[in-house]
Every structure is written in C-alpha cells, then in structure tokens.
C-alpha atoms as a PDB file:
ATOM      1  CA  UNK A   1     -63.979 -32.788 -37.705  1.00  0.00           C
ATOM      2  CA  UNK A   2     -64.749 -35.842 -39.833  1.00  0.00           C
ATOM      3  CA  UNK A   3     -61.451 -37.725 -39.969  1.00  0.00           C
ATOM      4  CA  UNK A   4     -60.455 -40.922 -41.758  1.00  0.00           C
ATOM      5  CA  UNK A   5     -57.284 -42.645 -40.549  1.00  0.00           C
ATOM      6  CA  UNK A   6     -55.702 -45.945 -41.486  1.00  0.00           C
ATOM      7  CA  UNK A   7     -52.524 -47.802 -40.576  1.00  0.00           C
ATOM      8  CA  UNK A   8     -50.802 -50.223 -42.951  1.00  0.00           C
ATOM      9  CA  UNK A   9     -47.289 -49.811 -41.525  1.00  0.00           C
ATOM     10  CA  UNK A  10     -47.160 -53.278 -39.915  1.00  0.00           C
ATOM     11  CA  UNK A  11     -49.066 -56.561 -40.155  1.00  0.00           C
ATOM     12  CA  UNK A  12     -51.679 -55.132 -37.769  1.00  0.00           C
ATOM     13  CA  UNK A  13     -54.021 -53.427 -40.214  1.00  0.00           C
ATOM     14  CA  UNK A  14     -56.606 -50.922 -38.978  1.00  0.00           C
ATOM     15  CA  UNK A  15     -58.963 -48.220 -40.200  1.00  0.00           C
ATOM     16  CA  UNK A  16     -60.724 -45.625 -38.040  1.00  0.00           C
ATOM     17  CA  UNK A  17     -63.361 -43.077 -39.029  1.00  0.00           C
ATOM     18  CA  UNK A  18     -64.680 -40.323 -36.762  1.00  0.00           C
ATOM     19  CA  UNK A  19     -67.885 -38.544 -37.782  1.00  0.00           C
ATOM     20  CA  UNK A  20     -69.530 -36.084 -35.406  1.00  0.00           C
ATOM     21  CA  UNK A  21     -67.653 -37.692 -32.481  1.00  0.00           C
ATOM     22  CA  UNK A  22     -68.904 -41.168 -33.416  1.00  0.00           C
ATOM     23  CA  UNK A  23     -66.157 -43.753 -33.939  1.00  0.00           C
ATOM     24  CA  UNK A  24     -66.195 -46.495 -36.563  1.00  0.00           C
ATOM     25  CA  UNK A  25     -63.244 -48.893 -36.504  1.00  0.00           C
ATOM     26  CA  UNK A  26     -61.934 -52.033 -38.180  1.00  0.00           C
ATOM     27  CA  UNK A  27     -58.762 -53.869 -37.147  1.00  0.00           C
ATOM     28  CA  UNK A  28     -57.218 -57.257 -37.866  1.00  0.00           C
ATOM     29  CA  UNK A  29     -53.928 -59.129 -38.019  1.00  0.00           C
ATOM     30  CA  UNK A  30     -53.895 -60.592 -41.499  1.00  0.00           C
ATOM     31  CA  UNK A  31     -50.283 -60.534 -42.570  1.00  0.00           C
ATOM     32  CA  UNK A  32     -49.341 -58.120 -45.297  1.00  0.00           C
ATOM     33  CA  UNK A  33     -52.514 -58.210 -47.408  1.00  0.00           C
ATOM     34  CA  UNK A  34     -53.292 -54.529 -47.047  1.00  0.00           C
ATOM     35  CA  UNK A  35     -53.547 -53.836 -50.774  1.00  0.00           C
ATOM     36  CA  UNK A  36     -56.355 -56.396 -50.996  1.00  0.00           C
ATOM     37  CA  UNK A  37     -58.516 -55.008 -48.189  1.00  0.00           C
ATOM     38  CA  UNK A  38     -57.719 -51.339 -47.503  1.00  0.00           C
ATOM     39  CA  UNK A  39     -60.155 -49.732 -49.956  1.00  0.00           C
ATOM     40  CA  UNK A  40     -62.858 -52.298 -49.125  1.00  0.00           C
ATOM     41  CA  UNK A  41     -62.675 -51.569 -45.387  1.00  0.00           C
ATOM     42  CA  UNK A  42     -62.527 -47.803 -45.917  1.00  0.00           C
ATOM     43  CA  UNK A  43     -65.671 -47.972 -48.055  1.00  0.00           C
ATOM     44  CA  UNK A  44     -67.368 -50.197 -45.488  1.00  0.00           C
ATOM     45  CA  UNK A  45     -66.829 -47.649 -42.703  1.00  0.00           C
ATOM     46  CA  UNK A  46     -67.955 -44.771 -44.933  1.00  0.00           C
ATOM     47  CA  UNK A  47     -71.190 -46.649 -45.675  1.00  0.00           C
ATOM     48  CA  UNK A  48     -71.774 -47.377 -41.980  1.00  0.00           C
ATOM     49  CA  UNK A  49     -71.218 -43.693 -41.157  1.00  0.00           C
ATOM     50  CA  UNK A  50     -73.410 -42.648 -44.108  1.00  0.00           C
ATOM     51  CA  UNK A  51     -70.918 -40.151 -45.528  1.00  0.00           C
ATOM     52  CA  UNK A  52     -68.754 -39.813 -48.636  1.00  0.00           C
ATOM     53  CA  UNK A  53     -65.077 -38.945 -48.915  1.00  0.00           C
ATOM     54  CA  UNK A  54     -66.004 -35.391 -49.967  1.00  0.00           C
ATOM     55  CA  UNK A  55     -67.574 -34.898 -46.519  1.00  0.00           C
ATOM     56  CA  UNK A  56     -64.308 -35.667 -44.750  1.00  0.00           C
ATOM     57  CA  UNK A  57     -62.233 -32.881 -43.231  1.00  0.00           C
ATOM     58  CA  UNK A  58     -58.942 -34.746 -42.930  1.00  0.00           C
ATOM     59  CA  UNK A  59     -57.186 -37.982 -43.938  1.00  0.00           C
ATOM     60  CA  UNK A  60     -54.355 -39.380 -41.786  1.00  0.00           C
ATOM     61  CA  UNK A  61     -51.848 -42.204 -42.248  1.00  0.00           C
ATOM     62  CA  UNK A  62     -48.467 -43.151 -40.721  1.00  0.00           C
ATOM     63  CA  UNK A  63     -45.393 -41.710 -42.391  1.00  0.00           C
ATOM     64  CA  UNK A  64     -42.979 -44.408 -41.209  1.00  0.00           C
ATOM     65  CA  UNK A  65     -40.900 -46.207 -40.255  1.00  0.00           C
ATOM     66  CA  UNK A  66     -42.439 -49.608 -40.906  1.00  0.00           C
ATOM     67  CA  UNK A  67     -43.022 -52.066 -43.707  1.00  0.00           C
ATOM     68  CA  UNK A  68     -41.710 -50.616 -46.984  1.00  0.00           C
ATOM     69  CA  UNK A  69     -44.645 -51.973 -48.982  1.00  0.00           C
ATOM     70  CA  UNK A  70     -47.218 -51.219 -46.286  1.00  0.00           C
ATOM     71  CA  UNK A  71     -46.146 -47.589 -46.003  1.00  0.00           C
ATOM     72  CA  UNK A  72     -46.287 -47.117 -49.763  1.00  0.00           C
ATOM     73  CA  UNK A  73     -49.778 -48.633 -49.943  1.00  0.00           C
ATOM     74  CA  UNK A  74     -51.066 -46.458 -47.109  1.00  0.00           C
ATOM     75  CA  UNK A  75     -49.562 -43.205 -48.295  1.00  0.00           C
ATOM     76  CA  UNK A  76     -50.513 -43.687 -51.939  1.00  0.00           C
ATOM     77  CA  UNK A  77     -54.092 -44.497 -50.891  1.00  0.00           C
ATOM     78  CA  UNK A  78     -54.260 -41.411 -48.655  1.00  0.00           C
ATOM     79  CA  UNK A  79     -52.902 -39.218 -51.440  1.00  0.00           C
ATOM     80  CA  UNK A  80     -55.347 -40.720 -53.940  1.00  0.00           C
ATOM     81  CA  UNK A  81     -58.374 -40.070 -51.728  1.00  0.00           C
ATOM     82  CA  UNK A  82     -57.077 -36.597 -50.891  1.00  0.00           C
ATOM     83  CA  UNK A  83     -56.562 -35.698 -54.540  1.00  0.00           C
ATOM     84  CA  UNK A  84     -59.883 -37.120 -55.661  1.00  0.00           C
ATOM     85  CA  UNK A  85     -61.963 -35.517 -52.909  1.00  0.00           C
ATOM     86  CA  UNK A  86     -60.048 -32.313 -52.270  1.00  0.00           C
ATOM     87  CA  UNK A  87     -59.662 -33.257 -48.598  1.00  0.00           C
ATOM     88  CA  UNK A  88     -56.280 -32.467 -46.962  1.00  0.00           C
ATOM     89  CA  UNK A  89     -54.077 -35.247 -45.614  1.00  0.00           C
ATOM     90  CA  UNK A  90     -51.318 -35.440 -43.017  1.00  0.00           C
ATOM     91  CA  UNK A  91     -48.855 -38.123 -41.989  1.00  0.00           C
ATOM     92  CA  UNK A  92     -47.826 -38.995 -38.442  1.00  0.00           C
ATOM     93  CA  UNK A  93     -44.604 -40.826 -37.486  1.00  0.00           C
ATOM     94  CA  UNK A  94     -45.465 -44.489 -36.890  1.00  0.00           C
ATOM     95  CA  UNK A  95     -43.666 -44.732 -33.551  1.00  0.00           C
ATOM     96  CA  UNK A  96     -45.407 -41.603 -32.238  1.00  0.00           C
ATOM     97  CA  UNK A  97     -48.715 -43.233 -33.173  1.00  0.00           C
ATOM     98  CA  UNK A  98     -47.858 -46.355 -31.155  1.00  0.00           C
ATOM     99  CA  UNK A  99     -46.643 -44.437 -28.097  1.00  0.00           C
ATOM    100  CA  UNK A 100     -49.681 -42.150 -27.978  1.00  0.00           C
ATOM    101  CA  UNK A 101     -51.813 -42.513 -24.845  1.00  0.00           C
ATOM    102  CA  UNK A 102     -49.073 -44.149 -22.760  1.00  0.00           C
ATOM    103  CA  UNK A 103     -47.845 -40.928 -21.145  1.00  0.00           C
ATOM    104  CA  UNK A 104     -49.243 -42.161 -17.810  1.00  0.00           C
ATOM    105  CA  UNK A 105     -46.422 -44.722 -17.529  1.00  0.00           C
ATOM    106  CA  UNK A 106     -43.839 -43.707 -14.928  1.00  0.00           C
ATOM    107  CA  UNK A 107     -40.758 -44.589 -16.951  1.00  0.00           C
ATOM    108  CA  UNK A 108     -39.789 -44.852 -20.610  1.00  0.00           C
ATOM    109  CA  UNK A 109     -41.984 -46.172 -23.409  1.00  0.00           C
ATOM    110  CA  UNK A 110     -40.538 -47.877 -26.477  1.00  0.00           C
ATOM    111  CA  UNK A 111     -42.736 -48.789 -29.456  1.00  0.00           C
ATOM    112  CA  UNK A 112     -41.191 -51.826 -31.139  1.00  0.00           C
ATOM    113  CA  UNK A 113     -41.363 -52.810 -34.820  1.00  0.00           C
ATOM    114  CA  UNK A 114     -39.358 -55.746 -36.141  1.00  0.00           C
ATOM    115  CA  UNK A 115     -37.199 -54.244 -38.906  1.00  0.00           C
ATOM    116  CA  UNK A 116     -35.820 -57.666 -39.957  1.00  0.00           C
ATOM    117  CA  UNK A 117     -32.118 -58.420 -40.315  1.00  0.00           C
ATOM    118  CA  UNK A 118     -32.012 -58.747 -36.484  1.00  0.00           C
ATOM    119  CA  UNK A 119     -32.832 -55.075 -36.000  1.00  0.00           C
ATOM    120  CA  UNK A 120     -35.783 -53.072 -34.668  1.00  0.00           C
ATOM    121  CA  UNK A 121     -37.359 -49.688 -35.319  1.00  0.00           C
ATOM    122  CA  UNK A 122     -37.935 -47.839 -32.057  1.00  0.00           C
ATOM    123  CA  UNK A 123     -37.737 -44.518 -30.215  1.00  0.00           C
ATOM    124  CA  UNK A 124     -37.681 -43.522 -26.558  1.00  0.00           C
ATOM    125  CA  UNK A 125     -40.636 -41.625 -25.081  1.00  0.00           C
ATOM    126  CA  UNK A 126     -41.102 -40.292 -21.544  1.00  0.00           C
ATOM    127  CA  UNK A 127     -44.437 -38.853 -20.387  1.00  0.00           C
ATOM    128  CA  UNK A 128     -45.567 -38.432 -23.974  1.00  0.00           C
ATOM    129  CA  UNK A 129     -42.425 -36.621 -25.115  1.00  0.00           C
ATOM    130  CA  UNK A 130     -40.176 -38.134 -27.774  1.00  0.00           C
ATOM    131  CA  UNK A 131     -36.610 -38.167 -26.477  1.00  0.00           C
ATOM    132  CA  UNK A 132     -34.820 -39.632 -29.523  1.00  0.00           C
ATOM    133  CA  UNK A 133     -35.097 -39.655 -33.277  1.00  0.00           C
ATOM    134  CA  UNK A 134     -36.598 -42.704 -34.987  1.00  0.00           C
ATOM    135  CA  UNK A 135     -34.019 -45.458 -34.480  1.00  0.00           C
ATOM    136  CA  UNK A 136     -33.014 -48.565 -36.454  1.00  0.00           C
ATOM    137  CA  UNK A 137     -30.956 -50.621 -34.004  1.00  0.00           C
ATOM    138  CA  UNK A 138     -29.763 -54.091 -33.095  1.00  0.00           C
ATOM    139  CA  UNK A 139     -31.154 -55.418 -29.772  1.00  0.00           C
ATOM    140  CA  UNK A 140     -27.867 -54.926 -27.917  1.00  0.00           C
ATOM    141  CA  UNK A 141     -27.750 -51.277 -28.956  1.00  0.00           C
ATOM    142  CA  UNK A 142     -31.316 -50.733 -27.754  1.00  0.00           C
ATOM    143  CA  UNK A 143     -30.498 -52.176 -24.330  1.00  0.00           C
ATOM    144  CA  UNK A 144     -27.351 -50.057 -24.158  1.00  0.00           C
ATOM    145  CA  UNK A 145     -29.528 -46.968 -24.576  1.00  0.00           C
ATOM    146  CA  UNK A 146     -31.784 -48.234 -21.796  1.00  0.00           C
ATOM    147  CA  UNK A 147     -29.071 -48.870 -19.218  1.00  0.00           C
ATOM    148  CA  UNK A 148     -29.785 -45.665 -17.272  1.00  0.00           C
ATOM    149  CA  UNK A 149     -33.550 -46.221 -17.140  1.00  0.00           C
ATOM    150  CA  UNK A 150     -35.169 -48.284 -14.375  1.00  0.00           C
ATOM    151  CA  UNK A 151     -38.736 -48.717 -15.617  1.00  0.00           C
ATOM    152  CA  UNK A 152     -39.403 -49.605 -19.235  1.00  0.00           C
ATOM    153  CA  UNK A 153     -42.583 -50.339 -21.193  1.00  0.00           C
ATOM    154  CA  UNK A 154     -42.494 -52.058 -24.586  1.00  0.00           C
ATOM    155  CA  UNK A 155     -45.466 -51.605 -26.907  1.00  0.00           C
ATOM    156  CA  UNK A 156     -46.146 -52.208 -30.581  1.00  0.00           C
ATOM    157  CA  UNK A 157     -46.744 -55.420 -32.543  1.00  0.00           C
ATOM    158  CA  UNK A 158     -43.266 -56.844 -32.024  1.00  0.00           C
ATOM    159  CA  UNK A 159     -42.720 -55.939 -28.365  1.00  0.00           C
ATOM    160  CA  UNK A 160     -42.518 -59.583 -27.268  1.00  0.00           C
ATOM    161  CA  UNK A 161     -39.837 -60.418 -29.830  1.00  0.00           C
ATOM    162  CA  UNK A 162     -37.481 -57.858 -28.324  1.00  0.00           C
ATOM    163  CA  UNK A 163     -38.603 -58.563 -24.749  1.00  0.00           C
ATOM    164  CA  UNK A 164     -37.490 -62.182 -25.111  1.00  0.00           C
ATOM    165  CA  UNK A 165     -33.946 -60.866 -25.575  1.00  0.00           C
ATOM    166  CA  UNK A 166     -33.950 -58.469 -22.631  1.00  0.00           C
ATOM    167  CA  UNK A 167     -31.531 -58.253 -19.735  1.00  0.00           C
ATOM    168  CA  UNK A 168     -33.302 -59.869 -16.739  1.00  0.00           C
ATOM    169  CA  UNK A 169     -31.882 -57.139 -14.489  1.00  0.00           C
ATOM    170  CA  UNK A 170     -34.116 -54.600 -16.207  1.00  0.00           C
ATOM    171  CA  UNK A 171     -37.704 -53.933 -15.104  1.00  0.00           C
ATOM    172  CA  UNK A 172     -39.413 -54.312 -18.473  1.00  0.00           C
ATOM    173  CA  UNK A 173     -43.199 -54.328 -18.743  1.00  0.00           C
ATOM    174  CA  UNK A 174     -45.196 -55.305 -21.824  1.00  0.00           C
ATOM    175  CA  UNK A 175     -48.214 -53.322 -22.963  1.00  0.00           C
ATOM    176  CA  UNK A 176     -51.093 -55.852 -22.661  1.00  0.00           C
ATOM    177  CA  UNK A 177     -52.753 -54.502 -25.823  1.00  0.00           C
ATOM    178  CA  UNK A 178     -49.521 -54.110 -27.785  1.00  0.00           C
ATOM    179  CA  UNK A 179     -50.946 -55.797 -30.902  1.00  0.00           C
ATOM    180  CA  UNK A 180     -54.053 -53.649 -31.192  1.00  0.00           C
ATOM    181  CA  UNK A 181     -54.917 -51.526 -34.185  1.00  0.00           C
ATOM    182  CA  UNK A 182     -53.392 -48.078 -33.788  1.00  0.00           C
ATOM    183  CA  UNK A 183     -55.385 -46.115 -36.365  1.00  0.00           C
ATOM    184  CA  UNK A 184     -57.579 -44.470 -33.689  1.00  0.00           C
ATOM    185  CA  UNK A 185     -54.420 -42.902 -32.237  1.00  0.00           C
ATOM    186  CA  UNK A 186     -53.964 -41.188 -35.593  1.00  0.00           C
ATOM    187  CA  UNK A 187     -57.184 -39.215 -35.110  1.00  0.00           C
ATOM    188  CA  UNK A 188     -56.013 -36.839 -32.321  1.00  0.00           C
ATOM    189  CA  UNK A 189     -52.420 -36.839 -33.557  1.00  0.00           C
ATOM    190  CA  UNK A 190     -53.464 -36.072 -37.122  1.00  0.00           C
ATOM    191  CA  UNK A 191     -55.696 -33.224 -35.963  1.00  0.00           C
ATOM    192  CA  UNK A 192     -52.830 -31.807 -33.898  1.00  0.00           C
ATOM    193  CA  UNK A 193     -50.330 -32.044 -36.778  1.00  0.00           C
ATOM    194  CA  UNK A 194     -52.801 -30.452 -39.172  1.00  0.00           C
ATOM    195  CA  UNK A 195     -53.561 -27.550 -36.837  1.00  0.00           C
ATOM    196  CA  UNK A 196     -49.858 -26.915 -36.207  1.00  0.00           C
ATOM    197  CA  UNK A 197     -48.297 -27.560 -39.618  1.00  0.00           C
ATOM    198  CA  UNK A 198     -51.102 -27.704 -42.156  1.00  0.00           C
ATOM    199  CA  UNK A 199     -51.473 -30.463 -44.755  1.00  0.00           C
ATOM    200  CA  UNK A 200     -48.548 -32.656 -45.781  1.00  0.00           C
ATOM    201  CA  UNK A 201     -46.921 -31.609 -49.078  1.00  0.00           C
ATOM    202  CA  UNK A 202     -47.762 -33.597 -52.207  1.00  0.00           C
ATOM    203  CA  UNK A 203     -44.098 -34.548 -52.511  1.00  0.00           C
ATOM    204  CA  UNK A 204     -43.877 -36.174 -49.074  1.00  0.00           C
ATOM    205  CA  UNK A 205     -42.793 -39.820 -49.066  1.00  0.00           C
ATOM    206  CA  UNK A 206     -42.475 -42.485 -46.365  1.00  0.00           C
ATOM    207  CA  UNK A 207     -39.742 -42.442 -43.704  1.00  0.00           C
ATOM    208  CA  UNK A 208     -37.784 -45.644 -44.310  1.00  0.00           C
ATOM    209  CA  UNK A 209     -34.599 -45.187 -42.176  1.00  0.00           C
ATOM    210  CA  UNK A 210     -32.837 -47.624 -44.519  1.00  0.00           C
ATOM    211  CA  UNK A 211     -32.815 -48.680 -48.154  1.00  0.00           C
ATOM    212  CA  UNK A 212     -35.312 -51.266 -49.352  1.00  0.00           C
ATOM    213  CA  UNK A 213     -34.128 -54.612 -50.686  1.00  0.00           C
ATOM    214  CA  UNK A 214     -34.874 -53.383 -54.222  1.00  0.00           C
ATOM    215  CA  UNK A 215     -32.710 -50.289 -53.716  1.00  0.00           C
ATOM    216  CA  UNK A 216     -29.914 -52.401 -52.234  1.00  0.00           C
ATOM    217  CA  UNK A 217     -30.090 -54.644 -55.300  1.00  0.00           C
ATOM    218  CA  UNK A 218     -29.832 -51.670 -57.636  1.00  0.00           C
ATOM    219  CA  UNK A 219     -26.870 -50.287 -55.686  1.00  0.00           C
ATOM    220  CA  UNK A 220     -25.070 -53.625 -55.894  1.00  0.00           C
ATOM    221  CA  UNK A 221     -25.601 -53.768 -59.664  1.00  0.00           C
ATOM    222  CA  UNK A 222     -24.208 -50.255 -60.023  1.00  0.00           C
END
C-alpha cells in the first residue's frame, strides 16, 4: 500500500510516506508552526517519491489527544486530501502511536504529552496492549496509578517533564528517542485500523479529553 501519514499533535512535527516499501520521512521540532509547513512537506515527499495524491491508498493522522490546534490542522488536512483525491483516511489515537514498537519493554510504557495546567495526557501500555483509556491527569494521580508497577518506561515529547517529578523509589526509564517524529508509527497502525474498521467517518473529530480555552470562554459567558 502507498500510505501517507503525518503527525501534528505535538510540537514534534513529522510526515512519513511509504511507496512500494520505500520510506520517505521528514521530522523536526519547530514549535507549533504546523499550518505553515504541513502542505509544503507533504508535497516535498510526494515529489521525491514521484507520485501524486491520487496514487495513494491510505492517509493516516492522529486522532488525539494532543494540541487542540495541531489536531485540527492535521485532521482537516487529511480530510481535505482524502476528499480531493478519493483516497480513504483513518485516524489513530495519539498515545497508541507513541507507544507503538515498545512492546519489548518488560514493564509498563507511558507515552507522555504535556496537557498544560499542570496535567498530562497519558495511558498505560503493557507488551503492546493498552490497559487504560486515554487519561488527562495531574502528576500525583499518574504516580498513584503506577504504585503497583515496578518497571516503568516514559516516552513521548514531554517524558522528561514528568520524569523530573517522579518518586525516586520507582524504577523509571526514559525512552532515549522520546522526542522523535512518530509519523512512521502511523503507517502500520493505520493499515491495521483500516483493515479492521474501514475508513474513518467524515463526521469524525479530534479526541480532546477536555474543553479548549475558547470553549471554556464561551461557557463562562453563558
């Protein structure tokens, strides 16, 4: 399958394109400037691979949680390309994307995204299996959930932020490539989701876990 995947859910921006088992990838940490570069980098990889969007078989992006604006940019771009080219798209939970490939770890894996307001988005994985829902928790609540686990691996772009707050009695390891681009993980996951569930519905929106600042402002005014 020819698959285009991109991740704009955090400040680590990445695009991955697979064509006939050849991988083309771009990744950078540029802050939240995804709207300025996403289409440019997608087009760059398509040119390098010498294909057009109509020759794709699948488009994949994260469904959340993550940056409110980043998720909207990514999903709207995926839907736009899908609609314009007739190529199906699927979304993959952001935390599943970050935990993918770490099933070798003999303990629990927690992808970590700074959710601001002294909270983090995370979930608990063991041997590749997701053991909790997507979580939006304060640090103390995360460590409470970890009290019965002996070996812990933090991954994701904000792993070190949470690790600095950890209980020294816990054996916590840090993924050495925690701040990599994760879009290549979307390739196998997207294929799996598509084969099992088919394309995402046109009405699907991002998973936020909480209201955005704009929505909170509207609620307060009401």
